[in-house]
N, C-alpha and C. Protein backbone atom coordinates (compact mmCIF):
# COMPACT_ATOMS: atom_id res chain seq x y z
N MET A 1 110.23 112.27 93.56
CA MET A 1 110.14 110.94 93.66
C MET A 1 109.92 109.92 92.78
N HIS A 2 110.25 109.53 92.35
CA HIS A 2 110.06 108.43 91.41
C HIS A 2 110.54 106.90 91.03
N ILE A 3 109.84 106.12 90.31
CA ILE A 3 110.46 104.82 90.58
C ILE A 3 111.61 104.29 90.56
N PRO A 4 112.41 103.52 91.31
CA PRO A 4 113.60 103.39 91.25
C PRO A 4 113.89 102.88 89.34
N GLY A 5 115.25 103.17 88.96
CA GLY A 5 115.58 102.58 87.75
C GLY A 5 115.10 102.88 86.59
N VAL A 6 114.03 103.48 86.53
CA VAL A 6 112.50 103.90 85.35
C VAL A 6 113.53 104.92 84.76
N ASP A 7 114.27 105.77 84.73
CA ASP A 7 115.43 106.39 83.91
C ASP A 7 115.94 105.37 83.11
N ARG A 8 116.07 104.33 83.11
CA ARG A 8 116.17 103.56 82.08
C ARG A 8 115.68 103.38 80.76
N TRP A 9 113.94 103.40 81.26
CA TRP A 9 112.50 103.36 80.44
C TRP A 9 112.48 104.71 79.95
N GLN A 10 112.13 104.31 78.61
CA GLN A 10 111.33 105.36 78.21
C GLN A 10 109.98 106.07 78.61
N VAL A 11 109.73 106.99 79.23
CA VAL A 11 107.98 106.95 79.71
C VAL A 11 107.30 108.14 79.22
N LEU A 12 106.15 107.22 79.17
CA LEU A 12 104.95 108.25 78.50
C LEU A 12 103.87 108.92 79.23
N ALA A 13 103.69 109.81 80.08
CA ALA A 13 102.29 109.67 80.86
C ALA A 13 100.92 110.30 80.37
N VAL A 14 100.31 109.56 80.27
CA VAL A 14 98.66 109.48 79.17
C VAL A 14 98.09 110.09 80.08
N GLN A 15 97.88 111.34 79.55
CA GLN A 15 96.79 112.49 80.71
C GLN A 15 95.18 111.38 80.21
N ALA A 16 94.54 111.63 81.26
CA ALA A 16 93.07 111.12 80.95
C ALA A 16 92.25 111.89 79.75
N LEU A 17 91.55 111.52 79.18
CA LEU A 17 90.71 112.37 77.96
C LEU A 17 90.04 113.11 78.51
N ASN A 18 89.41 112.69 79.43
CA ASN A 18 87.61 114.00 80.11
C ASN A 18 88.28 114.46 80.89
N ARG A 19 88.43 116.05 81.25
CA ARG A 19 88.41 116.61 82.00
C ARG A 19 87.59 117.71 82.24
N PHE A 20 87.68 118.04 83.90
CA PHE A 20 86.25 118.85 84.30
C PHE A 20 86.69 119.68 85.45
N TYR A 21 86.46 120.86 85.72
CA TYR A 21 86.28 121.14 87.65
C TYR A 21 85.84 120.64 88.42
N THR A 22 86.47 120.52 89.34
CA THR A 22 86.01 120.24 90.77
C THR A 22 85.06 121.56 91.16
N ARG A 23 84.30 120.86 91.72
CA ARG A 23 83.21 122.05 92.45
C ARG A 23 83.56 123.17 93.50
N ASN A 24 84.05 122.98 94.02
CA ASN A 24 84.56 123.68 95.06
C ASN A 24 86.10 124.84 94.47
N ASP A 25 87.03 124.05 93.84
CA ASP A 25 88.26 125.40 93.47
C ASP A 25 88.40 125.72 92.19
N GLU A 26 87.21 124.74 91.41
CA GLU A 26 87.41 125.03 90.16
C GLU A 26 88.53 124.22 89.39
N LYS A 27 89.45 123.59 90.42
CA LYS A 27 90.82 122.88 90.16
C LYS A 27 90.44 121.84 88.75
N ILE A 28 90.95 121.83 87.58
CA ILE A 28 90.69 121.12 86.31
C ILE A 28 91.36 119.70 87.05
N VAL A 29 90.31 119.00 86.57
CA VAL A 29 91.34 117.45 87.18
C VAL A 29 90.73 116.49 85.91
N ALA A 30 91.05 114.96 85.71
CA ALA A 30 90.31 114.58 84.72
C ALA A 30 90.13 113.13 84.80
N SER A 31 89.46 112.14 84.08
CA SER A 31 88.67 111.25 84.54
C SER A 31 88.97 110.41 83.26
N TRP A 32 89.08 109.01 83.16
CA TRP A 32 89.06 108.01 82.08
C TRP A 32 87.69 108.25 81.29
N MET A 33 86.07 108.03 82.05
CA MET A 33 85.25 108.13 81.28
C MET A 33 84.41 107.68 82.30
N THR A 34 82.88 108.37 82.03
CA THR A 34 81.70 107.70 82.90
C THR A 34 81.25 106.63 82.49
N ARG A 35 80.17 106.30 82.86
CA ARG A 35 79.44 104.74 82.76
C ARG A 35 78.38 105.43 81.37
N GLN A 36 78.03 106.62 80.80
CA GLN A 36 77.52 107.22 79.94
C GLN A 36 78.04 106.31 78.63
N ASP A 37 77.88 106.11 77.30
CA ASP A 37 78.39 105.53 76.44
C ASP A 37 79.64 104.66 77.19
N ARG A 38 79.82 103.86 77.43
CA ARG A 38 80.86 103.46 78.02
C ARG A 38 81.57 102.58 76.89
N GLU A 39 81.10 101.84 76.27
CA GLU A 39 81.80 100.65 75.43
C GLU A 39 82.24 101.61 74.46
N ILE A 40 81.94 103.15 73.95
CA ILE A 40 82.22 103.51 73.01
C ILE A 40 83.14 104.32 73.56
N ALA A 41 83.67 104.92 75.17
CA ALA A 41 84.63 105.69 75.49
C ALA A 41 85.29 104.53 75.57
N ILE A 42 85.56 103.16 75.99
CA ILE A 42 86.39 102.62 76.15
C ILE A 42 87.29 102.22 75.19
N ALA A 43 86.59 102.29 73.39
CA ALA A 43 87.11 102.05 72.34
C ALA A 43 88.61 103.60 72.00
N ASP A 44 87.31 104.46 72.30
CA ASP A 44 88.17 106.07 72.06
C ASP A 44 89.31 105.84 73.26
N ASN A 45 89.36 105.73 74.34
CA ASN A 45 90.85 106.03 74.90
C ASN A 45 91.85 104.97 74.90
N ILE A 46 91.33 103.25 74.31
CA ILE A 46 92.33 102.52 74.21
C ILE A 46 93.32 102.78 72.41
N ALA A 47 91.93 103.80 71.91
CA ALA A 47 92.61 104.39 69.81
C ALA A 47 93.52 105.36 70.40
N TYR A 48 93.11 106.10 71.28
CA TYR A 48 94.04 107.51 71.93
C TYR A 48 95.63 106.79 72.88
N VAL A 49 95.69 105.83 73.52
CA VAL A 49 96.65 105.34 73.89
C VAL A 49 97.63 104.85 73.18
N ASP A 50 97.01 103.83 71.96
CA ASP A 50 97.71 103.84 70.83
C ASP A 50 98.58 104.92 69.87
N ARG A 51 97.84 105.77 70.04
CA ARG A 51 98.55 106.71 69.29
C ARG A 51 100.03 107.59 70.40
N VAL A 52 99.81 107.57 71.08
CA VAL A 52 100.69 108.43 71.96
C VAL A 52 101.38 107.18 71.70
N VAL A 53 101.66 106.19 72.02
CA VAL A 53 102.79 104.84 72.26
C VAL A 53 103.18 105.13 70.78
N GLU A 54 102.52 104.95 69.41
CA GLU A 54 103.00 105.54 68.28
C GLU A 54 103.97 106.39 67.81
N GLN A 55 103.37 107.68 68.53
CA GLN A 55 104.21 108.71 68.70
C GLN A 55 105.38 108.92 69.45
N ALA A 56 105.92 107.51 70.30
CA ALA A 56 107.14 107.53 70.79
C ALA A 56 108.00 108.04 69.95
N ALA A 57 109.20 108.05 70.43
CA ALA A 57 110.48 108.34 69.37
C ALA A 57 111.23 106.97 69.30
N SER A 58 110.93 106.00 70.50
CA SER A 58 111.67 104.53 70.16
C SER A 58 110.35 103.66 70.48
N ASN A 59 110.80 102.46 70.33
CA ASN A 59 109.65 101.39 70.49
C ASN A 59 110.36 100.09 71.38
N PRO A 60 110.31 100.51 72.76
CA PRO A 60 110.71 100.16 73.99
C PRO A 60 109.98 98.55 74.32
N PRO A 61 110.23 98.20 75.00
CA PRO A 61 109.20 96.73 75.51
C PRO A 61 108.36 98.13 76.36
N LEU A 62 107.07 97.13 76.55
CA LEU A 62 105.94 98.57 77.03
C LEU A 62 105.29 97.79 78.13
N VAL A 63 105.37 98.47 79.15
CA VAL A 63 104.91 98.43 80.79
C VAL A 63 103.78 99.60 80.34
N PHE A 64 102.71 99.15 81.07
CA PHE A 64 101.38 99.85 81.46
C PHE A 64 101.32 100.03 82.24
N ALA A 65 101.29 101.42 83.10
CA ALA A 65 100.98 101.45 84.84
C ALA A 65 99.73 102.36 84.78
N GLY A 66 99.26 102.02 86.00
CA GLY A 66 97.76 102.36 86.14
C GLY A 66 97.89 102.81 87.72
N PHE A 67 97.22 104.25 87.70
CA PHE A 67 96.66 104.09 89.72
C PHE A 67 95.24 104.02 89.44
N SER A 68 94.59 103.56 90.35
CA SER A 68 92.80 103.90 90.69
C SER A 68 92.48 104.05 89.10
N GLN A 69 91.81 104.34 88.76
CA GLN A 69 90.98 104.47 87.98
C GLN A 69 91.89 104.48 86.51
N GLY A 70 93.00 104.64 86.86
CA GLY A 70 93.91 104.41 85.41
C GLY A 70 94.05 102.99 85.51
N VAL A 71 94.42 102.18 86.54
CA VAL A 71 94.70 100.76 86.59
C VAL A 71 93.73 100.10 85.01
N ALA A 72 92.52 100.25 84.92
CA ALA A 72 91.64 100.35 83.94
C ALA A 72 92.16 99.90 82.82
N MET A 73 92.44 101.28 82.31
CA MET A 73 92.91 101.83 81.06
C MET A 73 94.72 100.99 80.50
N ALA A 74 95.54 100.90 81.92
CA ALA A 74 96.52 100.24 81.97
C ALA A 74 96.24 98.83 81.10
N TYR A 75 95.63 98.24 82.36
CA TYR A 75 94.86 96.93 81.79
C TYR A 75 94.28 96.69 80.13
N ARG A 76 93.36 97.45 79.66
CA ARG A 76 92.70 97.60 78.50
C ARG A 76 94.17 98.03 77.29
N ALA A 77 94.44 98.98 77.22
CA ALA A 77 95.73 99.57 76.80
C ALA A 77 96.95 98.15 76.33
N ALA A 78 97.05 97.44 77.80
CA ALA A 78 97.95 95.99 77.77
C ALA A 78 97.32 94.97 76.70
N MET A 79 96.02 94.82 76.44
CA MET A 79 95.02 93.22 76.24
C MET A 79 94.67 94.29 75.19
N LEU A 80 94.10 95.36 75.04
CA LEU A 80 93.13 95.56 73.77
C LEU A 80 93.49 96.29 72.91
N GLY A 81 94.98 97.03 73.16
CA GLY A 81 95.21 97.95 72.39
C GLY A 81 96.20 97.51 71.30
N ARG A 82 96.90 98.08 70.19
CA ARG A 82 97.74 97.15 69.36
C ARG A 82 98.80 97.08 69.71
N HIS A 83 99.36 97.88 70.69
CA HIS A 83 101.05 97.65 70.98
C HIS A 83 100.77 96.41 72.34
N ARG A 84 101.90 95.15 72.40
CA ARG A 84 101.96 94.19 72.95
C ARG A 84 102.52 94.70 74.28
N ALA A 85 102.46 94.26 75.39
CA ALA A 85 102.94 94.67 76.90
C ALA A 85 103.71 93.67 77.36
N ALA A 86 105.00 93.86 78.03
CA ALA A 86 105.87 93.02 78.90
C ALA A 86 104.97 93.10 80.06
N GLY A 87 104.35 94.19 80.48
CA GLY A 87 104.04 93.87 81.95
C GLY A 87 102.81 95.08 82.36
N VAL A 88 102.11 94.87 83.06
CA VAL A 88 101.16 96.09 83.83
C VAL A 88 101.21 96.35 84.80
N ILE A 89 101.59 97.44 85.21
CA ILE A 89 101.17 97.70 87.21
C ILE A 89 100.62 98.21 87.13
N ALA A 90 99.27 97.79 88.00
CA ALA A 90 98.18 98.17 88.76
C ALA A 90 98.23 98.55 90.36
N LEU A 91 97.99 99.65 90.58
CA LEU A 91 98.23 100.05 92.28
C LEU A 91 96.32 100.62 92.24
N ALA A 92 96.12 100.07 93.12
CA ALA A 92 94.70 100.31 93.49
C ALA A 92 93.48 100.26 92.48
N GLY A 93 93.44 99.17 91.90
CA GLY A 93 92.10 99.43 90.96
C GLY A 93 92.65 98.24 90.22
N ASP A 94 91.26 97.68 89.56
CA ASP A 94 90.48 96.11 89.22
C ASP A 94 90.89 95.86 88.04
N ILE A 95 91.27 94.65 87.70
CA ILE A 95 90.96 94.47 86.09
C ILE A 95 89.24 94.39 85.82
N PRO A 96 89.56 94.76 84.60
CA PRO A 96 87.84 95.83 84.07
C PRO A 96 87.37 94.75 83.37
N PRO A 97 86.07 94.68 83.68
CA PRO A 97 85.41 92.88 82.76
C PRO A 97 85.77 92.97 81.51
N GLU A 98 85.66 93.53 80.45
CA GLU A 98 85.86 93.57 79.33
C GLU A 98 87.05 92.54 78.72
N VAL A 99 88.14 93.60 79.73
CA VAL A 99 89.25 92.54 79.27
C VAL A 99 89.67 90.89 79.61
N LYS A 100 88.49 90.93 80.85
CA LYS A 100 88.23 89.33 81.77
C LYS A 100 88.17 88.69 80.13
N LEU A 101 87.09 89.42 79.67
CA LEU A 101 86.37 88.50 78.67
C LEU A 101 86.95 88.06 77.63
N ASP A 102 88.44 88.82 77.43
CA ASP A 102 89.52 88.50 75.92
C ASP A 102 90.07 87.50 76.22
N GLU A 103 89.55 86.50 75.26
CA GLU A 103 90.37 85.07 75.62
C GLU A 103 91.38 85.36 74.59
N THR A 104 91.80 85.82 73.75
CA THR A 104 92.54 85.67 72.72
C THR A 104 94.12 86.13 72.75
N SER A 105 94.00 87.19 73.60
CA SER A 105 95.38 87.98 74.02
C SER A 105 96.04 87.22 75.06
N ALA A 106 97.45 86.74 74.54
CA ALA A 106 98.45 86.91 75.88
C ALA A 106 98.39 88.02 76.86
N TRP A 107 98.39 87.32 78.19
CA TRP A 107 98.73 88.16 79.19
C TRP A 107 100.09 88.96 79.16
N PRO A 108 100.48 89.76 80.06
CA PRO A 108 101.84 90.11 80.36
C PRO A 108 102.11 89.84 81.83
N ARG A 109 103.29 89.79 82.02
CA ARG A 109 103.16 90.02 83.40
C ARG A 109 102.50 90.77 84.39
N VAL A 110 102.15 90.47 85.78
CA VAL A 110 100.97 91.65 86.56
C VAL A 110 102.05 91.83 87.28
N LEU A 111 101.99 93.06 88.40
CA LEU A 111 102.62 93.75 89.71
C LEU A 111 101.00 94.29 89.99
N ILE A 112 100.55 93.99 91.03
CA ILE A 112 99.59 94.74 91.84
C ILE A 112 99.88 95.10 93.20
N GLY A 113 99.05 96.09 92.96
CA GLY A 113 100.10 96.85 94.47
C GLY A 113 98.67 97.27 95.28
N VAL A 114 98.80 97.01 96.66
CA VAL A 114 97.55 97.27 97.26
C VAL A 114 97.92 98.02 99.14
N GLY A 115 97.47 99.11 99.34
CA GLY A 115 98.05 99.66 100.88
C GLY A 115 96.89 98.69 101.66
N ASP A 116 97.38 98.36 103.18
CA ASP A 116 97.24 97.98 103.99
C ASP A 116 95.73 99.14 104.34
N THR A 117 95.36 100.15 104.00
CA THR A 117 94.41 101.26 104.85
C THR A 117 93.45 101.44 103.37
N GLU A 118 93.44 100.41 102.42
CA GLU A 118 93.42 100.63 101.32
C GLU A 118 91.52 100.57 101.65
N THR A 119 90.80 101.62 100.89
CA THR A 119 89.64 101.21 100.87
C THR A 119 88.47 101.00 99.77
N TRP A 120 88.82 101.60 98.77
CA TRP A 120 88.47 101.15 97.24
C TRP A 120 88.70 100.17 96.72
N TYR A 121 90.27 99.57 96.53
CA TYR A 121 90.18 98.51 96.36
C TYR A 121 90.65 97.80 96.78
N ASN A 122 89.38 96.78 97.78
CA ASN A 122 89.55 96.12 98.97
C ASN A 122 89.95 94.83 98.83
N ALA A 123 89.94 94.08 99.58
CA ALA A 123 90.58 92.56 100.14
C ALA A 123 89.10 91.78 99.03
N ASP A 124 88.34 91.69 98.55
CA ASP A 124 87.47 91.34 97.68
C ASP A 124 87.56 91.87 96.15
N LYS A 125 88.14 92.55 96.38
CA LYS A 125 88.58 92.78 94.58
C LYS A 125 89.88 92.62 94.25
N LEU A 126 90.94 92.70 95.30
CA LEU A 126 92.28 92.07 94.91
C LEU A 126 92.05 90.70 94.92
N ARG A 127 91.05 89.41 95.84
CA ARG A 127 91.10 87.87 96.40
C ARG A 127 90.09 87.90 94.18
N THR A 128 89.46 88.56 93.99
CA THR A 128 88.64 88.43 92.29
C THR A 128 89.80 89.02 91.65
N ASP A 129 90.64 89.46 91.47
CA ASP A 129 91.40 89.67 90.64
C ASP A 129 92.83 88.75 90.68
N VAL A 130 93.24 88.59 91.91
CA VAL A 130 94.23 87.01 91.81
C VAL A 130 93.67 86.23 91.35
N GLY A 131 92.16 85.67 91.57
CA GLY A 131 91.44 84.54 91.30
C GLY A 131 91.98 84.37 89.65
N PHE A 132 91.30 85.11 89.03
CA PHE A 132 91.11 85.53 87.84
C PHE A 132 92.77 85.24 87.29
N LEU A 133 93.52 86.29 87.11
CA LEU A 133 95.43 85.76 87.25
C LEU A 133 95.78 84.34 87.38
N GLU A 134 95.18 83.80 88.49
CA GLU A 134 95.69 82.40 88.52
C GLU A 134 94.77 81.49 87.89
N SER A 135 94.00 81.71 87.56
CA SER A 135 93.34 80.98 86.71
C SER A 135 93.65 80.90 85.18
N HIS A 136 94.18 81.43 84.95
CA HIS A 136 94.50 82.14 83.85
C HIS A 136 95.81 81.64 83.03
N GLN A 137 96.32 81.27 84.43
CA GLN A 137 98.10 81.21 84.33
C GLN A 137 98.86 82.54 84.13
N VAL A 138 98.61 83.76 84.66
CA VAL A 138 99.29 84.49 84.41
C VAL A 138 99.81 85.18 85.53
N VAL A 139 101.33 85.22 84.82
CA VAL A 139 102.52 85.38 86.32
C VAL A 139 102.45 87.23 86.81
N HIS A 140 101.76 86.74 88.12
CA HIS A 140 101.43 87.93 88.81
C HIS A 140 102.31 88.27 90.18
N GLU A 141 102.37 88.98 90.64
CA GLU A 141 102.85 89.94 92.23
C GLU A 141 101.88 90.09 92.93
N VAL A 142 101.77 90.39 93.94
CA VAL A 142 101.05 91.08 95.02
C VAL A 142 101.72 91.92 95.71
N VAL A 143 101.90 93.38 95.81
CA VAL A 143 102.71 94.13 96.57
C VAL A 143 102.06 95.15 97.51
N ARG A 144 101.93 94.29 99.41
CA ARG A 144 101.21 95.06 99.90
C ARG A 144 101.85 96.13 100.79
N PHE A 145 101.68 97.21 100.80
CA PHE A 145 102.69 97.90 101.66
C PHE A 145 101.54 98.54 102.59
N ARG A 146 102.53 99.59 103.11
CA ARG A 146 101.56 100.26 104.61
C ARG A 146 101.42 101.46 103.87
N GLY A 147 100.14 101.60 103.66
CA GLY A 147 99.57 103.21 103.14
C GLY A 147 97.65 103.06 102.28
N GLY A 148 97.47 103.99 102.22
CA GLY A 148 96.06 103.70 101.59
C GLY A 148 95.94 103.44 99.71
N HIS A 149 94.66 104.61 99.58
CA HIS A 149 94.71 104.76 97.79
C HIS A 149 95.89 105.90 97.64
N GLU A 150 97.32 105.42 97.68
CA GLU A 150 98.40 106.33 97.27
C GLU A 150 99.72 105.19 96.51
N TRP A 151 100.55 105.83 96.09
CA TRP A 151 101.87 106.02 95.72
C TRP A 151 102.52 106.03 97.04
N THR A 152 103.04 105.24 97.59
CA THR A 152 103.86 105.51 98.67
C THR A 152 105.67 105.25 98.19
N ASP A 153 106.48 105.49 99.03
CA ASP A 153 108.07 105.12 98.26
C ASP A 153 108.35 103.77 98.48
N GLU A 154 107.22 103.25 99.30
CA GLU A 154 107.39 101.78 99.37
C GLU A 154 107.05 101.01 98.30
N PHE A 155 106.19 101.21 97.70
CA PHE A 155 105.56 100.38 96.88
C PHE A 155 106.57 101.23 95.24
N ARG A 156 106.66 102.25 95.07
CA ARG A 156 107.54 102.91 94.17
C ARG A 156 108.92 101.59 93.87
N ALA A 157 109.81 101.73 95.15
CA ALA A 157 110.34 100.59 95.35
C ALA A 157 110.52 99.71 94.85
N ALA A 158 108.91 98.82 95.65
CA ALA A 158 108.92 97.09 94.71
C ALA A 158 107.90 97.64 93.58
N ALA A 159 107.95 98.54 92.99
CA ALA A 159 107.58 98.56 91.31
C ALA A 159 109.49 98.80 90.76
N GLY A 160 110.02 99.23 90.85
CA GLY A 160 111.10 99.42 90.61
C GLY A 160 111.95 98.25 90.25
N HIS A 161 112.12 97.17 91.37
CA HIS A 161 112.45 95.96 91.79
C HIS A 161 111.91 95.27 90.76
N TRP A 162 110.89 95.24 90.48
CA TRP A 162 109.85 94.21 89.65
C TRP A 162 110.22 94.79 88.00
N LEU A 163 110.28 96.11 88.10
CA LEU A 163 110.44 96.50 86.53
C LEU A 163 111.98 96.00 86.51
N ARG A 164 113.18 95.62 87.28
CA ARG A 164 114.43 95.00 87.08
C ARG A 164 114.28 93.45 86.64
N SER A 165 113.29 92.53 87.38
CA SER A 165 113.10 91.51 87.19
C SER A 165 112.49 90.99 85.52
N LEU A 166 111.87 91.94 85.09
CA LEU A 166 111.51 91.70 83.86
C LEU A 166 112.36 91.83 82.67
N ASN A 167 113.53 91.96 82.98
CA ASN A 167 115.39 91.55 82.42
C ASN A 167 114.67 91.64 81.20
N LEU A 168 114.38 93.36 80.55
CA LEU A 168 114.20 93.36 79.10
C LEU A 168 115.10 94.30 77.99
């Protein structure tokens, strides 16, 4: 299951830097950061994403996509990284505060996805993000779909349509 039309793009999957074991089954999972040394971790994470993009074989237009906690990194990479983005796909996560403070970078187009049973990225967070984007005249679209905190086929189809609309 993938985003329709994504085969026309070069896809890089950047794994979160901080790996750890889950408590019960010792499965290895990863996160982008914790609250401890937050500013240092943000800088390290952005530099890490920059290096991954630089090592890519070609230099196509960039769209950063993130899910849940990865949404913050997608926004950070697009706005604070060295490589200008054509878009951000943000599924079930909000715009981080330090990105909102950056008044120097031009915003790319933004696609926000939120499920109708979403509990973490709730209506207040969505309203705050949309209000921010509107107040900064950022071209954006909100896709609401059936589901919760997850990638669904419905959202993948919407993301594919949105990517095609970029006309890059």
